[in-house]
Amino acid sequence: MTRRKSSLAANNAPARETDQRIVGLSAAEERMFNAVIQAVAERRLAPGVKLVEEQLAEIFKLNRARIRKVLLILSQRRIVQLEPNRGAFVARPSAKETRDVFQARRLLEREVVRLVAALPEGERHEAAASLRAHLIAEHHAVAAKDRSAEIRLSGNFHLKLAELAGNGVFVSMLRDLIAQMSLALAAYATTTQLDCSLREHDPIVEALAVGDSERATTLAMAHLDHIEAALTLVDEEGGTDLVAIFSDMLEMA
């Protein structure tokens, strides 16, 4: 019974402003695409989880050929990893890929913040009011210790900034980056206090409200630096040294 409700919800859920429109996908395929992105961003899907085609077909009411088409596009966005003869898995980013994601977010969000701070005064005040309303929801989630809501609202804050900047391409790119960062946090986090610390959003909004682009940018970059610094990223480019691992064992044999 629960499964049936889930499939109906997935097919009938209204589109959100931040849902992506993907050329070549039908409306039903887009629902699956956006649902996977959202589940990853909210940390409902962890790195390494197998995405079983039969289950996805039942949930989203799509045949397996269409499921594979969506999974292929998700793999191109680095959200899913396709393995021959094994199937599709939620991706686990490498240390280098994680650093690349942070670098991309810094470049993108620096411009987003600049655009919002440069809005005409009236539009900027409206944007600040909208962001403050979002902050209230964040504060309520923290007070209620609702971790799921905190994660969702954390990502949505940054998407909201991109929307207010008025650039739909930025919104689409940022959604992918937030999902990729969520995978990195799940893979490399050493503490539960990693995501965007919601307390750090408040001063960013206040700086934007008065059009202080320099301060808002500094705060936004420090915000991302704080998250990255809390991760334990181990370079794997050199590969695993099997000789070093087994040499002592063989000598003792």
Protein backbone atom coordinates (compact mmCIF):
# COMPACT_ATOMS: atom_id res chain seq x y z
CA MET A 1 0.00 0.00 0.00
CA THR A 2 2.79 2.38 0.83
CA ARG A 3 4.50 1.66 -2.47
CA ARG A 4 1.35 2.48 -4.41
CA LYS A 5 1.01 5.82 -2.63
CA SER A 6 4.63 6.63 -3.39
CA SER A 7 4.21 5.92 -7.09
CA LEU A 8 1.08 8.02 -7.30
CA ALA A 9 2.78 10.88 -5.50
CA ALA A 10 5.74 10.71 -7.85
CA ASN A 11 3.50 10.89 -10.91
CA ASN A 12 1.05 13.50 -9.65
CA ALA A 13 3.37 15.82 -7.73
CA PRO A 14 3.22 19.39 -9.07
CA ALA A 15 6.33 20.81 -10.68
CA ARG A 16 8.42 23.07 -8.47
CA GLU A 17 10.06 26.26 -9.69
CA THR A 18 13.45 24.66 -9.21
CA ASP A 19 12.61 21.51 -11.20
CA GLN A 20 14.78 21.15 -14.27
CA ARG A 21 13.41 20.94 -17.79
CA ILE A 22 15.53 18.48 -19.77
CA VAL A 23 15.40 18.49 -23.56
CA GLY A 24 14.37 15.08 -24.84
CA LEU A 25 12.59 13.92 -21.68
CA SER A 26 8.84 13.55 -21.39
CA ALA A 27 7.00 15.04 -18.41
CA ALA A 28 6.96 11.63 -16.68
CA GLU A 29 10.68 11.16 -17.28
CA GLU A 30 11.39 14.65 -15.94
CA ARG A 31 9.49 13.75 -12.76
CA MET A 32 11.80 10.81 -12.21
CA PHE A 33 14.90 12.88 -13.02
CA ASN A 34 13.93 15.64 -10.58
CA ALA A 35 12.86 13.16 -7.90
CA VAL A 36 16.29 11.48 -7.96
CA ILE A 37 18.07 14.84 -7.84
CA GLN A 38 15.92 15.93 -4.90
CA ALA A 39 16.39 12.63 -3.03
CA VAL A 40 20.17 12.92 -3.39
CA ALA A 41 20.21 16.60 -2.39
CA GLU A 42 18.14 15.79 0.72
CA ARG A 43 20.44 12.86 1.51
CA ARG A 44 17.66 10.30 1.18
CA LEU A 45 19.80 8.44 -1.38
CA ALA A 46 23.34 7.73 -0.22
CA PRO A 47 26.43 7.07 -2.37
CA GLY A 48 26.59 3.48 -3.57
CA VAL A 49 22.86 2.73 -3.35
CA LYS A 50 21.75 0.56 -6.26
CA LEU A 51 18.93 2.00 -8.35
CA VAL A 52 17.01 -1.12 -9.30
CA GLU A 53 15.29 -0.66 -12.65
CA GLU A 54 12.30 -2.85 -11.78
CA GLN A 55 11.55 -0.84 -8.65
CA LEU A 56 11.99 2.48 -10.45
CA ALA A 57 9.66 1.30 -13.23
CA GLU A 58 6.98 0.47 -10.65
CA ILE A 59 7.42 3.73 -8.75
CA PHE A 60 7.44 6.07 -11.73
CA LYS A 61 5.22 4.04 -14.07
CA LEU A 62 7.80 4.03 -16.84
CA ASN A 63 9.06 1.11 -18.89
CA ARG A 64 12.67 0.02 -18.42
CA ALA A 65 13.87 1.63 -21.66
CA ARG A 66 12.67 5.01 -20.40
CA ILE A 67 14.15 4.36 -16.95
CA ARG A 68 17.51 3.70 -18.59
CA LYS A 69 17.25 6.92 -20.59
CA VAL A 70 16.79 8.95 -17.38
CA LEU A 71 19.60 7.08 -15.62
CA LEU A 72 21.92 7.81 -18.54
CA ILE A 73 21.25 11.55 -18.26
CA LEU A 74 21.76 11.38 -14.49
CA SER A 75 25.09 9.66 -15.09
CA GLN A 76 26.10 12.50 -17.43
CA ARG A 77 25.35 14.90 -14.54
CA ARG A 78 27.59 12.77 -12.24
CA ILE A 79 24.70 11.89 -9.95
CA VAL A 80 24.52 8.26 -11.01
CA GLN A 81 27.25 5.81 -11.97
CA LEU A 82 26.47 3.14 -14.58
CA GLU A 83 28.44 -0.09 -14.28
CA PRO A 84 28.39 -2.70 -17.08
CA ASN A 85 26.56 -5.89 -16.10
CA ARG A 86 25.87 -4.48 -12.63
CA GLY A 87 23.42 -1.65 -13.14
CA ALA A 88 23.07 1.92 -11.86
CA PHE A 89 24.32 3.19 -8.52
CA VAL A 90 24.20 6.53 -6.76
CA ALA A 91 27.62 8.04 -7.48
CA ARG A 92 30.39 8.36 -4.92
CA PRO A 93 32.53 11.36 -5.89
CA SER A 94 36.29 11.15 -5.59
CA ALA A 95 38.27 13.63 -3.51
CA LYS A 96 39.25 15.50 -6.67
CA GLU A 97 35.68 15.59 -7.95
CA THR A 98 34.59 16.96 -4.59
CA ARG A 99 37.16 19.76 -4.76
CA ASP A 100 36.01 20.50 -8.31
CA VAL A 101 32.42 20.83 -7.11
CA PHE A 102 33.41 23.32 -4.42
CA GLN A 103 35.44 25.32 -6.94
CA ALA A 104 32.47 25.41 -9.34
CA ARG A 105 30.10 26.50 -6.59
CA ARG A 106 32.43 29.32 -5.54
CA LEU A 107 32.57 30.67 -9.08
CA LEU A 108 28.83 30.35 -9.60
CA GLU A 109 27.66 31.66 -6.23
CA ARG A 110 30.05 34.58 -6.30
CA GLU A 111 28.23 35.83 -9.40
CA VAL A 112 24.80 34.97 -7.98
CA VAL A 113 25.49 37.06 -4.87
CA ARG A 114 26.79 39.94 -6.98
CA LEU A 115 23.66 39.92 -9.15
CA VAL A 116 21.29 39.92 -6.17
CA ALA A 117 23.22 42.71 -4.43
CA ALA A 118 23.08 44.77 -7.64
CA LEU A 119 19.28 44.58 -7.99
CA PRO A 120 17.46 47.95 -8.05
CA GLU A 121 16.64 49.03 -4.51
CA GLY A 122 12.95 48.09 -4.64
CA GLU A 123 13.64 44.64 -6.12
CA ARG A 124 16.48 44.11 -3.67
CA HIS A 125 14.22 44.84 -0.71
CA GLU A 126 11.63 42.39 -2.07
CA ALA A 127 14.35 39.79 -2.52
CA ALA A 128 15.56 40.33 1.05
CA ALA A 129 12.00 39.99 2.38
CA SER A 130 11.62 36.70 0.51
CA LEU A 131 14.94 35.43 1.85
CA ARG A 132 14.04 36.46 5.42
CA ALA A 133 10.82 34.47 5.15
CA HIS A 134 12.95 31.49 4.14
CA LEU A 135 15.25 32.09 7.12
CA ILE A 136 12.24 31.87 9.45
CA ALA A 137 11.53 28.39 8.09
CA GLU A 138 15.19 27.47 8.65
CA HIS A 139 15.06 28.70 12.26
CA HIS A 140 11.91 26.68 12.91
CA ALA A 141 13.57 23.54 11.51
CA VAL A 142 16.59 24.05 13.77
CA ALA A 143 14.38 24.62 16.83
CA ALA A 144 12.39 21.49 16.02
CA LYS A 145 15.60 19.51 15.42
CA ASP A 146 14.13 18.45 12.08
CA ARG A 147 17.31 17.33 10.32
CA SER A 148 15.55 16.43 7.08
CA ALA A 149 13.98 19.88 6.84
CA GLU A 150 17.32 21.53 7.67
CA ILE A 151 19.04 19.75 4.77
CA ARG A 152 16.24 20.58 2.35
CA LEU A 153 16.02 24.23 3.38
CA SER A 154 19.80 24.59 3.30
CA GLY A 155 19.97 23.67 -0.37
CA ASN A 156 16.84 25.62 -1.22
CA PHE A 157 18.36 28.80 0.24
CA HIS A 158 21.08 28.74 -2.40
CA LEU A 159 18.63 27.87 -5.16
CA LYS A 160 16.44 30.76 -4.05
CA LEU A 161 19.41 33.12 -4.35
CA ALA A 162 19.99 31.91 -7.92
CA GLU A 163 16.31 32.41 -8.75
CA LEU A 164 16.40 35.94 -7.36
CA ALA A 165 19.48 36.62 -9.47
CA GLY A 166 17.21 36.00 -12.45
CA ASN A 167 19.35 33.42 -14.23
CA GLY A 168 17.61 30.13 -14.96
CA VAL A 169 20.83 28.50 -16.18
CA PHE A 170 22.45 29.23 -12.83
CA VAL A 171 19.50 27.59 -11.04
CA SER A 172 19.85 24.44 -13.14
CA MET A 173 23.62 24.26 -12.70
CA LEU A 174 23.37 24.88 -8.97
CA ARG A 175 20.82 22.11 -8.50
CA ASP A 176 23.27 19.61 -9.96
CA LEU A 177 26.13 20.97 -7.86
CA ILE A 178 24.08 20.84 -4.65
CA ALA A 179 23.22 17.20 -5.36
CA GLN A 180 26.87 16.40 -6.06
CA MET A 181 27.91 18.18 -2.87
CA SER A 182 25.37 16.16 -0.90
CA LEU A 183 27.03 12.98 -2.17
CA ALA A 184 30.41 14.37 -1.13
CA LEU A 185 29.12 15.23 2.34
CA ALA A 186 27.71 11.73 2.75
CA ALA A 187 30.99 10.18 1.61
CA TYR A 188 33.51 12.37 3.45
CA ALA A 189 31.71 13.95 6.40
CA THR A 190 33.34 13.49 9.78
CA THR A 191 30.65 15.34 11.71
CA THR A 192 26.92 15.90 11.49
CA GLN A 193 27.36 19.68 11.59
CA LEU A 194 28.58 19.99 8.04
CA ASP A 195 25.95 21.20 5.69
CA CYS A 196 25.47 24.71 5.18
CA SER A 197 25.36 25.94 8.74
CA LEU A 198 21.98 27.63 8.67
CA ARG A 199 23.17 30.32 11.06
CA GLU A 200 25.58 31.51 8.37
CA HIS A 201 22.72 32.38 6.02
CA ASP A 202 21.43 35.27 8.14
CA PRO A 203 24.38 37.67 7.75
CA ILE A 204 24.51 36.95 4.01
CA VAL A 205 20.89 38.09 3.68
CA GLU A 206 21.50 41.23 5.71
CA ALA A 207 24.48 42.18 3.57
CA LEU A 208 22.41 41.64 0.42
CA ALA A 209 19.55 43.72 1.83
CA VAL A 210 21.76 46.81 1.92
CA GLY A 211 23.44 46.04 -1.38
CA ASP A 212 26.83 45.32 0.17
CA SER A 213 28.13 43.02 -2.55
CA GLU A 214 31.65 42.75 -1.13
CA ARG A 215 30.55 41.69 2.34
CA ALA A 216 27.87 39.32 1.01
CA THR A 217 30.44 37.67 -1.28
CA THR A 218 32.99 37.34 1.52
CA LEU A 219 30.40 35.71 3.78
CA ALA A 220 29.15 33.37 1.04
CA MET A 221 32.69 32.20 0.21
CA ALA A 222 33.54 31.70 3.89
CA HIS A 223 30.34 29.67 4.15
CA LEU A 224 31.52 27.23 1.45
CA ASP A 225 35.07 27.21 2.85
CA HIS A 226 33.68 26.16 6.23
CA ILE A 227 31.89 23.17 4.71
CA GLU A 228 34.86 22.01 2.64
CA ALA A 229 37.29 22.35 5.55
CA ALA A 230 35.18 19.96 7.62
CA LEU A 231 35.51 17.15 5.07
CA THR A 232 38.25 14.55 5.17
CA LEU A 233 39.32 14.40 1.52
CA VAL A 234 41.91 11.76 0.67
CA ASP A 235 43.54 11.85 -2.75
CA GLU A 236 43.24 8.59 -4.62
CA GLU A 237 44.93 9.54 -7.87
CA GLY A 238 47.97 7.39 -7.18
CA GLY A 239 45.89 4.25 -6.79
CA THR A 240 46.23 1.56 -4.16
CA ASP A 241 49.72 0.18 -3.56
CA LEU A 242 49.04 -3.56 -3.37
CA VAL A 243 52.75 -4.35 -2.93
CA ALA A 244 52.89 -2.22 0.22
CA ILE A 245 49.71 -3.82 1.55
CA PHE A 246 50.76 -7.45 1.05
CA SER A 247 54.59 -7.38 1.25
CA ASP A 248 54.83 -7.80 5.02
CA MET A 249 52.20 -10.52 5.00
CA LEU A 250 54.05 -12.49 2.32
CA GLU A 251 57.37 -12.16 4.14
CA MET A 252 55.83 -13.59 7.30
CA ALA A 253 54.23 -16.51 5.47
